[in-house]
Every structure is written in structure tokens, then in C-alpha cells.
PDB file of N, CA and C in Angstrom:
ATOM      1  N   UNK A   1      -4.825 -20.309 -13.922  1.00  0.00           N
ATOM      2  CA  UNK A   1      -4.333 -18.988 -13.825  1.00  0.00           C
ATOM      3  C   UNK A   1      -2.879 -18.801 -14.028  1.00  0.00           C
ATOM      4  N   UNK A   2      -2.397 -18.093 -15.073  1.00  0.00           N
ATOM      5  CA  UNK A   2      -0.953 -17.727 -15.319  1.00  0.00           C
ATOM      6  C   UNK A   2      -0.176 -17.200 -14.036  1.00  0.00           C
ATOM      7  N   UNK A   3       1.164 -17.374 -14.236  1.00  0.00           N
ATOM      8  CA  UNK A   3       1.956 -17.014 -13.008  1.00  0.00           C
ATOM      9  C   UNK A   3       1.738 -15.561 -12.929  1.00  0.00           C
ATOM     10  N   UNK A   4       1.800 -14.645 -14.088  1.00  0.00           N
ATOM     11  CA  UNK A   4       1.747 -13.296 -14.017  1.00  0.00           C
ATOM     12  C   UNK A   4       0.434 -12.923 -13.371  1.00  0.00           C
ATOM     13  N   UNK A   5      -0.753 -13.486 -13.626  1.00  0.00           N
ATOM     14  CA  UNK A   5      -2.039 -13.022 -13.285  1.00  0.00           C
ATOM     15  C   UNK A   5      -1.987 -13.438 -11.627  1.00  0.00           C
ATOM     16  N   UNK A   6      -1.268 -14.428 -11.218  1.00  0.00           N
ATOM     17  CA  UNK A   6      -1.226 -14.430  -9.698  1.00  0.00           C
ATOM     18  C   UNK A   6      -0.444 -13.556  -9.190  1.00  0.00           C
ATOM     19  N   UNK A   7       0.672 -13.043  -9.789  1.00  0.00           N
ATOM     20  CA  UNK A   7       1.410 -11.948  -9.356  1.00  0.00           C
ATOM     21  C   UNK A   7       0.556 -10.574  -9.297  1.00  0.00           C
ATOM     22  N   UNK A   8      -0.230 -10.474 -10.251  1.00  0.00           N
ATOM     23  CA  UNK A   8      -1.179  -9.266 -10.273  1.00  0.00           C
ATOM     24  C   UNK A   8      -2.139  -9.271  -9.116  1.00  0.00           C
ATOM     25  N   UNK A   9      -2.716 -10.466  -8.897  1.00  0.00           N
ATOM     26  CA  UNK A   9      -3.605 -10.566  -7.766  1.00  0.00           C
ATOM     27  C   UNK A   9      -2.846 -10.300  -6.389  1.00  0.00           C
ATOM     28  N   UNK A  10      -1.717 -10.767  -6.195  1.00  0.00           N
ATOM     29  CA  UNK A  10      -1.006 -10.493  -5.046  1.00  0.00           C
ATOM     30  C   UNK A  10      -0.584  -9.050  -4.729  1.00  0.00           C
ATOM     31  N   UNK A  11      -0.355  -8.276  -5.996  1.00  0.00           N
ATOM     32  CA  UNK A  11      -0.064  -6.826  -5.886  1.00  0.00           C
ATOM     33  C   UNK A  11      -1.354  -6.257  -5.414  1.00  0.00           C
ATOM     34  N   UNK A  12      -2.586  -6.478  -6.167  1.00  0.00           N
ATOM     35  CA  UNK A  12      -3.718  -5.957  -5.809  1.00  0.00           C
ATOM     36  C   UNK A  12      -4.030  -6.141  -4.209  1.00  0.00           C
ATOM     37  N   UNK A  13      -3.940  -7.339  -3.726  1.00  0.00           N
ATOM     38  CA  UNK A  13      -4.107  -7.758  -2.385  1.00  0.00           C
ATOM     39  C   UNK A  13      -3.299  -6.912  -1.339  1.00  0.00           C
ATOM     40  N   UNK A  14      -2.054  -6.798  -1.718  1.00  0.00           N
ATOM     41  CA  UNK A  14      -1.167  -5.775  -0.970  1.00  0.00           C
ATOM     42  C   UNK A  14      -1.755  -4.435  -0.909  1.00  0.00           C
ATOM     43  N   UNK A  15      -2.002  -3.871  -2.227  1.00  0.00           N
ATOM     44  CA  UNK A  15      -2.543  -2.557  -2.097  1.00  0.00           C
ATOM     45  C   UNK A  15      -3.808  -2.351  -1.291  1.00  0.00           C
ATOM     46  N   UNK A  16      -4.714  -3.252  -1.193  1.00  0.00           N
ATOM     47  CA  UNK A  16      -5.889  -3.374  -0.540  1.00  0.00           C
ATOM     48  C   UNK A  16      -5.639  -3.282   0.940  1.00  0.00           C
ATOM     49  N   UNK A  17      -4.731  -4.174   1.221  1.00  0.00           N
ATOM     50  CA  UNK A  17      -4.266  -4.225   2.876  1.00  0.00           C
ATOM     51  C   UNK A  17      -3.635  -2.954   3.071  1.00  0.00           C
ATOM     52  N   UNK A  18      -2.914  -2.225   2.210  1.00  0.00           N
ATOM     53  CA  UNK A  18      -2.286  -1.047   2.716  1.00  0.00           C
ATOM     54  C   UNK A  18      -3.277   0.157   2.665  1.00  0.00           C
ATOM     55  N   UNK A  19      -4.250   0.019   1.649  1.00  0.00           N
ATOM     56  CA  UNK A  19      -5.367   1.168   1.834  1.00  0.00           C
ATOM     57  C   UNK A  19      -6.015   0.946   3.037  1.00  0.00           C
ATOM     58  N   UNK A  20      -6.481  -0.200   3.498  1.00  0.00           N
ATOM     59  CA  UNK A  20      -7.346  -0.327   4.781  1.00  0.00           C
ATOM     60  C   UNK A  20      -6.463   0.150   5.857  1.00  0.00           C
ATOM     61  N   UNK A  21      -5.186  -0.217   5.939  1.00  0.00           N
ATOM     62  CA  UNK A  21      -4.373   0.537   7.047  1.00  0.00           C
ATOM     63  C   UNK A  21      -4.215   1.855   7.187  1.00  0.00           C
ATOM     64  N   UNK A  22      -4.065   2.597   5.916  1.00  0.00           N
ATOM     65  CA  UNK A  22      -4.020   3.964   5.741  1.00  0.00           C
ATOM     66  C   UNK A  22      -5.366   4.602   6.147  1.00  0.00           C
ATOM     67  N   UNK A  23      -6.471   3.864   5.663  1.00  0.00           N
ATOM     68  CA  UNK A  23      -7.826   4.522   6.182  1.00  0.00           C
ATOM     69  C   UNK A  23      -7.946   4.539   7.736  1.00  0.00           C
ATOM     70  N   UNK A  24      -7.463   3.452   8.167  1.00  0.00           N
ATOM     71  CA  UNK A  24      -7.696   3.444   9.640  1.00  0.00           C
ATOM     72  C   UNK A  24      -6.657   4.385  10.377  1.00  0.00           C
ATOM     73  N   UNK A  25      -5.490   4.699   9.867  1.00  0.00           N
ATOM     74  CA  UNK A  25      -4.504   5.481  10.526  1.00  0.00           C
ATOM     75  C   UNK A  25      -5.013   6.923  10.264  1.00  0.00           C
ATOM     76  N   UNK A  26      -5.700   7.275   9.125  1.00  0.00           N
ATOM     77  CA  UNK A  26      -6.188   8.601   9.048  1.00  0.00           C
ATOM     78  C   UNK A  26      -7.360   8.859  10.102  1.00  0.00           C
ATOM     79  N   UNK A  27      -8.315   7.867  10.124  1.00  0.00           N
ATOM     80  CA  UNK A  27      -9.505   8.047  11.017  1.00  0.00           C
ATOM     81  C   UNK A  27      -8.892   8.098  12.447  1.00  0.00           C
ATOM     82  N   UNK A  28      -8.047   7.213  12.913  1.00  0.00           N
ATOM     83  CA  UNK A  28      -7.423   7.413  14.258  1.00  0.00           C
ATOM     84  C   UNK A  28      -6.854   8.519  14.551  1.00  0.00           C
ATOM     85  N   UNK A  29      -5.989   9.132  13.553  1.00  0.00           N
ATOM     86  CA  UNK A  29      -5.334  10.283  13.835  1.00  0.00           C
ATOM     87  C   UNK A  29      -6.298  11.460  14.054  1.00  0.00           C
ATOM     88  N   UNK A  30      -7.302  11.451  13.368  1.00  0.00           N
ATOM     89  CA  UNK A  30      -8.174  12.488  13.431  1.00  0.00           C
ATOM     90  C   UNK A  30      -8.931  12.415  14.879  1.00  0.00           C
ATOM     91  N   UNK A  31      -9.249  11.283  15.148  1.00  0.00           N
ATOM     92  CA  UNK A  31      -9.865  11.025  16.463  1.00  0.00           C
ATOM     93  C   UNK A  31      -8.963  11.249  17.578  1.00  0.00           C
ATOM     94  N   UNK A  32      -7.906  10.937  17.439  1.00  0.00           N
ATOM     95  CA  UNK A  32      -6.680  11.242  18.554  1.00  0.00           C
ATOM     96  C   UNK A  32      -6.642  12.861  18.654  1.00  0.00           C
ATOM     97  N   UNK A  33      -6.724  13.654  17.677  1.00  0.00           N
ATOM     98  CA  UNK A  33      -6.708  14.983  17.722  1.00  0.00           C
ATOM     99  C   UNK A  33      -7.933  15.528  18.540  1.00  0.00           C
ATOM    100  N   UNK A  34      -8.950  15.058  17.876  1.00  0.00           N
ATOM    101  CA  UNK A  34     -10.301  15.729  18.469  1.00  0.00           C
ATOM    102  C   UNK A  34     -10.554  15.382  19.894  1.00  0.00           C
ATOM    103  N   UNK A  35     -10.110  14.036  20.331  1.00  0.00           N
ATOM    104  CA  UNK A  35     -10.359  13.720  21.673  1.00  0.00           C
ATOM    105  C   UNK A  35      -9.132  13.907  22.624  1.00  0.00           C
ATOM    106  N   UNK A  36      -8.052  14.538  21.912  1.00  0.00           N
ATOM    107  CA  UNK A  36      -6.677  14.691  22.665  1.00  0.00           C
ATOM    108  C   UNK A  36      -6.272  13.451  23.401  1.00  0.00           C
ATOM    109  N   UNK A  37      -6.332  12.377  22.626  1.00  0.00           N
ATOM    110  CA  UNK A  37      -5.977  11.077  23.158  1.00  0.00           C
ATOM    111  C   UNK A  37      -4.582  10.588  22.766  1.00  0.00           C
ATOM    112  N   UNK A  38      -3.671  10.673  23.701  1.00  0.00           N
ATOM    113  CA  UNK A  38      -2.340  10.478  23.256  1.00  0.00           C
ATOM    114  C   UNK A  38      -2.094   8.927  23.079  1.00  0.00           C
ATOM    115  N   UNK A  39      -2.871   8.200  23.747  1.00  0.00           N
ATOM    116  CA  UNK A  39      -2.552   6.677  23.577  1.00  0.00           C
ATOM    117  C   UNK A  39      -2.972   6.233  22.020  1.00  0.00           C
ATOM    118  N   UNK A  40      -4.075   6.825  21.620  1.00  0.00           N
ATOM    119  CA  UNK A  40      -4.527   6.504  20.174  1.00  0.00           C
ATOM    120  C   UNK A  40      -3.477   7.069  19.305  1.00  0.00           C
ATOM    121  N   UNK A  41      -2.813   8.278  19.636  1.00  0.00           N
ATOM    122  CA  UNK A  41      -1.928   8.824  18.578  1.00  0.00           C
ATOM    123  C   UNK A  41      -0.711   7.821  18.532  1.00  0.00           C
ATOM    124  N   UNK A  42      -0.229   7.304  19.831  1.00  0.00           N
ATOM    125  CA  UNK A  42       0.800   6.529  19.906  1.00  0.00           C
ATOM    126  C   UNK A  42       0.602   5.188  19.118  1.00  0.00           C
ATOM    127  N   UNK A  43      -0.647   4.799  19.142  1.00  0.00           N
ATOM    128  CA  UNK A  43      -1.014   3.535  18.434  1.00  0.00           C
ATOM    129  C   UNK A  43      -0.744   3.684  16.899  1.00  0.00           C
ATOM    130  N   UNK A  44      -1.226   4.935  16.373  1.00  0.00           N
ATOM    131  CA  UNK A  44      -1.201   5.081  15.012  1.00  0.00           C
ATOM    132  C   UNK A  44       0.273   5.148  14.669  1.00  0.00           C
ATOM    133  N   UNK A  45       1.163   5.746  15.464  1.00  0.00           N
ATOM    134  CA  UNK A  45       2.626   5.726  15.184  1.00  0.00           C
ATOM    135  C   UNK A  45       3.256   4.418  15.142  1.00  0.00           C
ATOM    136  N   UNK A  46       2.789   3.523  16.108  1.00  0.00           N
ATOM    137  CA  UNK A  46       3.198   2.036  16.183  1.00  0.00           C
ATOM    138  C   UNK A  46       2.754   1.277  14.920  1.00  0.00           C
ATOM    139  N   UNK A  47       1.535   1.527  14.429  1.00  0.00           N
ATOM    140  CA  UNK A  47       1.210   0.886  13.261  1.00  0.00           C
ATOM    141  C   UNK A  47       1.828   1.350  11.833  1.00  0.00           C
ATOM    142  N   UNK A  48       2.588   2.434  11.936  1.00  0.00           N
ATOM    143  CA  UNK A  48       2.997   3.021  10.737  1.00  0.00           C
ATOM    144  C   UNK A  48       4.076   2.177  10.325  1.00  0.00           C
ATOM    145  N   UNK A  49       4.787   1.313  10.983  1.00  0.00           N
ATOM    146  CA  UNK A  49       5.873   0.486  10.388  1.00  0.00           C
ATOM    147  C   UNK A  49       5.286  -0.483   9.470  1.00  0.00           C
ATOM    148  N   UNK A  50       4.047  -1.129   9.735  1.00  0.00           N
ATOM    149  CA  UNK A  50       3.507  -2.117   8.628  1.00  0.00           C
ATOM    150  C   UNK A  50       3.106  -1.382   7.442  1.00  0.00           C
ATOM    151  N   UNK A  51       2.787  -0.055   7.429  1.00  0.00           N
ATOM    152  CA  UNK A  51       2.412   0.652   6.132  1.00  0.00           C
ATOM    153  C   UNK A  51       3.681   0.845   5.489  1.00  0.00           C
ATOM    154  N   UNK A  52       4.761   1.238   6.151  1.00  0.00           N
ATOM    155  CA  UNK A  52       6.173   1.371   5.431  1.00  0.00           C
ATOM    156  C   UNK A  52       6.763   0.053   4.897  1.00  0.00           C
ATOM    157  N   UNK A  53       6.621  -0.931   5.473  1.00  0.00           N
ATOM    158  CA  UNK A  53       6.954  -2.299   5.187  1.00  0.00           C
ATOM    159  C   UNK A  53       6.092  -2.659   3.830  1.00  0.00           C
ATOM    160  N   UNK A  54       4.807  -2.377   3.961  1.00  0.00           N
ATOM    161  CA  UNK A  54       3.964  -2.783   2.758  1.00  0.00           C
ATOM    162  C   UNK A  54       4.400  -1.903   1.458  1.00  0.00           C
ATOM    163  N   UNK A  55       4.754  -0.634   1.692  1.00  0.00           N
ATOM    164  CA  UNK A  55       5.323   0.182   0.628  1.00  0.00           C
ATOM    165  C   UNK A  55       6.443  -0.555  -0.042  1.00  0.00           C
ATOM    166  N   UNK A  56       7.542  -0.994   0.613  1.00  0.00           N
ATOM    167  CA  UNK A  56       8.641  -1.376   0.156  1.00  0.00           C
ATOM    168  C   UNK A  56       8.172  -2.746  -0.590  1.00  0.00           C
ATOM    169  N   UNK A  57       7.335  -3.540   0.001  1.00  0.00           N
ATOM    170  CA  UNK A  57       6.955  -4.842  -0.738  1.00  0.00           C
ATOM    171  C   UNK A  57       6.356  -4.741  -1.966  1.00  0.00           C
ATOM    172  N   UNK A  58       5.505  -3.792  -1.994  1.00  0.00           N
ATOM    173  CA  UNK A  58       4.549  -3.447  -3.276  1.00  0.00           C
ATOM    174  C   UNK A  58       5.643  -2.843  -4.281  1.00  0.00           C
ATOM    175  N   UNK A  59       6.412  -1.873  -3.828  1.00  0.00           N
ATOM    176  CA  UNK A  59       7.439  -1.330  -4.651  1.00  0.00           C
ATOM    177  C   UNK A  59       8.301  -2.399  -5.419  1.00  0.00           C
ATOM    178  N   UNK A  60       8.894  -3.268  -4.552  1.00  0.00           N
ATOM    179  CA  UNK A  60       9.772  -4.365  -5.122  1.00  0.00           C
ATOM    180  C   UNK A  60       9.001  -5.390  -6.068  1.00  0.00           C
ATOM    181  N   UNK A  61       7.815  -5.632  -5.548  1.00  0.00           N
ATOM    182  CA  UNK A  61       6.922  -6.581  -6.438  1.00  0.00           C
ATOM    183  C   UNK A  61       6.591  -6.019  -7.711  1.00  0.00           C
ATOM    184  N   UNK A  62       6.127  -4.650  -7.758  1.00  0.00           N
ATOM    185  CA  UNK A  62       5.839  -4.064  -9.055  1.00  0.00           C
ATOM    186  C   UNK A  62       7.004  -3.996 -10.080  1.00  0.00           C
ATOM    187  N   UNK A  63       8.032  -3.525  -9.551  1.00  0.00           N
ATOM    188  CA  UNK A  63       9.390  -3.242 -10.172  1.00  0.00           C
ATOM    189  C   UNK A  63       9.857  -4.670 -10.652  1.00  0.00           C
ATOM    190  N   UNK A  64       9.804  -5.727  -9.915  1.00  0.00           N
ATOM    191  CA  UNK A  64      10.183  -6.931 -10.385  1.00  0.00           C
ATOM    192  C   UNK A  64       9.230  -7.557 -11.404  1.00  0.00           C
ATOM    193  N   UNK A  65       7.892  -7.139 -11.420  1.00  0.00           N
ATOM    194  CA  UNK A  65       7.202  -7.541 -12.502  1.00  0.00           C
ATOM    195  C   UNK A  65       7.347  -6.930 -13.773  1.00  0.00           C
ATOM    196  N   UNK A  66       7.847  -5.624 -13.605  1.00  0.00           N
ATOM    197  CA  UNK A  66       7.980  -4.759 -14.940  1.00  0.00           C
ATOM    198  C   UNK A  66       9.319  -5.345 -15.498  1.00  0.00           C
ATOM    199  N   UNK A  67      10.401  -5.682 -14.640  1.00  0.00           N
ATOM    200  CA  UNK A  67      11.568  -6.157 -15.186  1.00  0.00           C
ATOM    201  C   UNK A  67      11.467  -7.562 -15.809  1.00  0.00           C
ATOM    202  N   UNK A  68      10.799  -8.458 -14.988  1.00  0.00           N
ATOM    203  CA  UNK A  68      10.762  -9.888 -15.400  1.00  0.00           C
ATOM    204  C   UNK A  68       9.599 -10.278 -16.225  1.00  0.00           C
ATOM    205  N   UNK A  69       8.634  -9.757 -16.179  1.00  0.00           N
ATOM    206  CA  UNK A  69       7.406 -10.130 -16.935  1.00  0.00           C
ATOM    207  C   UNK A  69       7.083  -9.469 -18.088  1.00  0.00           C
ATOM    208  N   UNK A  70       7.668  -8.103 -18.241  1.00  0.00           N
ATOM    209  CA  UNK A  70       7.326  -7.304 -19.353  1.00  0.00           C
ATOM    210  C   UNK A  70       5.799  -7.121 -19.696  1.00  0.00           C
ATOM    211  N   UNK A  71       5.048  -6.753 -18.887  1.00  0.00           N
ATOM    212  CA  UNK A  71       3.683  -6.558 -19.101  1.00  0.00           C
ATOM    213  C   UNK A  71       3.216  -5.776 -20.283  1.00  0.00           C
ATOM    214  N   UNK A  72       2.174  -6.004 -21.012  1.00  0.00           N
ATOM    215  CA  UNK A  72       1.629  -5.160 -22.052  1.00  0.00           C
ATOM    216  C   UNK A  72       0.381  -4.550 -21.726  1.00  0.00           C
ATOM    217  N   UNK A  73       0.172  -3.407 -22.347  1.00  0.00           N
ATOM    218  CA  UNK A  73      -1.208  -2.637 -22.446  1.00  0.00           C
ATOM    219  C   UNK A  73      -1.744  -2.564 -21.021  1.00  0.00           C
ATOM    220  N   UNK A  74      -2.941  -3.107 -20.881  1.00  0.00           N
ATOM    221  CA  UNK A  74      -3.672  -2.962 -19.390  1.00  0.00           C
ATOM    222  C   UNK A  74      -2.911  -3.385 -18.383  1.00  0.00           C
ATOM    223  N   UNK A  75      -2.206  -4.538 -18.527  1.00  0.00           N
ATOM    224  CA  UNK A  75      -1.392  -4.804 -17.251  1.00  0.00           C
ATOM    225  C   UNK A  75      -0.207  -4.077 -16.945  1.00  0.00           C
ATOM    226  N   UNK A  76       0.314  -3.497 -17.981  1.00  0.00           N
ATOM    227  CA  UNK A  76       1.272  -2.454 -17.761  1.00  0.00           C
ATOM    228  C   UNK A  76       0.809  -1.277 -17.113  1.00  0.00           C
ATOM    229  N   UNK A  77      -0.338  -0.856 -17.592  1.00  0.00           N
ATOM    230  CA  UNK A  77      -1.038   0.422 -16.853  1.00  0.00           C
ATOM    231  C   UNK A  77      -1.349  -0.084 -15.286  1.00  0.00           C
ATOM    232  N   UNK A  78      -1.715  -1.223 -15.209  1.00  0.00           N
ATOM    233  CA  UNK A  78      -1.937  -1.754 -13.862  1.00  0.00           C
ATOM    234  C   UNK A  78      -0.898  -1.676 -12.824  1.00  0.00           C
ATOM    235  N   UNK A  79       0.083  -2.112 -13.380  1.00  0.00           N
ATOM    236  CA  UNK A  79       1.446  -2.257 -12.555  1.00  0.00           C
ATOM    237  C   UNK A  79       2.077  -0.836 -12.339  1.00  0.00           C
ATOM    238  N   UNK A  80       1.996   0.113 -13.244  1.00  0.00           N
ATOM    239  CA  UNK A  80       2.438   1.488 -13.085  1.00  0.00           C
ATOM    240  C   UNK A  80       1.642   2.161 -12.194  1.00  0.00           C
ATOM    241  N   UNK A  81       0.157   2.030 -12.259  1.00  0.00           N
ATOM    242  CA  UNK A  81      -0.665   2.639 -11.531  1.00  0.00           C
ATOM    243  C   UNK A  81      -0.354   2.131 -10.041  1.00  0.00           C
ATOM    244  N   UNK A  82      -0.216   0.896  -9.895  1.00  0.00           N
ATOM    245  CA  UNK A  82       0.141   0.484  -8.562  1.00  0.00           C
ATOM    246  C   UNK A  82       1.154   1.102  -7.858  1.00  0.00           C
ATOM    247  N   UNK A  83       2.317   1.330  -8.655  1.00  0.00           N
ATOM    248  CA  UNK A  83       3.406   2.196  -8.052  1.00  0.00           C
ATOM    249  C   UNK A  83       2.970   3.575  -7.546  1.00  0.00           C
ATOM    250  N   UNK A  84       2.286   4.142  -8.358  1.00  0.00           N
ATOM    251  CA  UNK A  84       2.008   5.474  -8.115  1.00  0.00           C
ATOM    252  C   UNK A  84       0.861   5.551  -6.743  1.00  0.00           C
ATOM    253  N   UNK A  85       0.126   4.630  -6.825  1.00  0.00           N
ATOM    254  CA  UNK A  85      -0.911   4.511  -5.774  1.00  0.00           C
ATOM    255  C   UNK A  85      -0.257   4.176  -4.519  1.00  0.00           C
ATOM    256  N   UNK A  86       0.669   3.251  -4.555  1.00  0.00           N
ATOM    257  CA  UNK A  86       1.515   2.905  -3.514  1.00  0.00           C
ATOM    258  C   UNK A  86       2.236   4.030  -2.784  1.00  0.00           C
ATOM    259  N   UNK A  87       2.895   4.823  -3.640  1.00  0.00           N
ATOM    260  CA  UNK A  87       3.575   6.128  -3.235  1.00  0.00           C
ATOM    261  C   UNK A  87       2.516   7.042  -2.475  1.00  0.00           C
ATOM    262  N   UNK A  88       1.383   7.265  -3.004  1.00  0.00           N
ATOM    263  CA  UNK A  88       0.556   8.124  -2.493  1.00  0.00           C
ATOM    264  C   UNK A  88      -0.012   7.617  -1.091  1.00  0.00           C
ATOM    265  N   UNK A  89      -0.410   6.355  -1.171  1.00  0.00           N
ATOM    266  CA  UNK A  89      -0.820   5.806   0.145  1.00  0.00           C
ATOM    267  C   UNK A  89       0.268   5.914   1.203  1.00  0.00           C
ATOM    268  N   UNK A  90       1.560   5.657   0.996  1.00  0.00           N
ATOM    269  CA  UNK A  90       2.567   5.697   1.926  1.00  0.00           C
ATOM    270  C   UNK A  90       2.646   7.068   2.492  1.00  0.00           C
ATOM    271  N   UNK A  91       2.503   8.063   1.623  1.00  0.00           N
ATOM    272  CA  UNK A  91       2.639   9.539   2.118  1.00  0.00           C
ATOM    273  C   UNK A  91       1.457   9.806   3.029  1.00  0.00           C
ATOM    274  N   UNK A  92       0.206   9.157   2.699  1.00  0.00           N
ATOM    275  CA  UNK A  92      -1.006   9.701   3.503  1.00  0.00           C
ATOM    276  C   UNK A  92      -0.807   8.789   4.815  1.00  0.00           C
ATOM    277  N   UNK A  93      -0.195   7.590   4.969  1.00  0.00           N
ATOM    278  CA  UNK A  93      -0.043   6.824   6.130  1.00  0.00           C
ATOM    279  C   UNK A  93       0.936   7.239   6.952  1.00  0.00           C
TER     280      UNK A  93
END
């Protein structure tokens, strides 16, 4: 596997991790409101740090790939889409 392909796989893995964390945060947020559970709401807030950290890591990785690897066609679309998805996920989380 080429180095660039490994970088893409790492980028995808981080996006999947972030997606799972955001999904969990949304579910727990709704549950906290419905149940009026302050502890669950506090747990969501405590876990927000990891989502923010992943947003920075993904952004740095994608920008680095664009600058250093100069991806073409489908790879370029994948990296730029990752940046957009990353931004949207961070807003949701």
C-alpha cells in the first residue's frame, strides 16, 4: 500500500471515529433533555473535547495531504469532502 493510501485510510478512520462520537453526543443530548438528566448532559459536555481534538487532527491531516501529496481526481475530491464533512460534524457535536 502506498504512503498516500495509508494517509487516506487514516483520514477515513478519524472521520469514522468522529462520526460515532457525534452520533452518540446527539443521542445523549436528546436523552438528557427528555429525561431532564443533568449528569447525562454533563457527560456530553465532557466528551466534547475529543470531538474538538479530532476536528483539529482531521483538518491538519487533510491540509497536509493537499499540500504535500498533491492528490488528483478522486483522491482530491475525497480529501476536500473530508474537510467539509469534518466541519459539519464538529458543528453537530
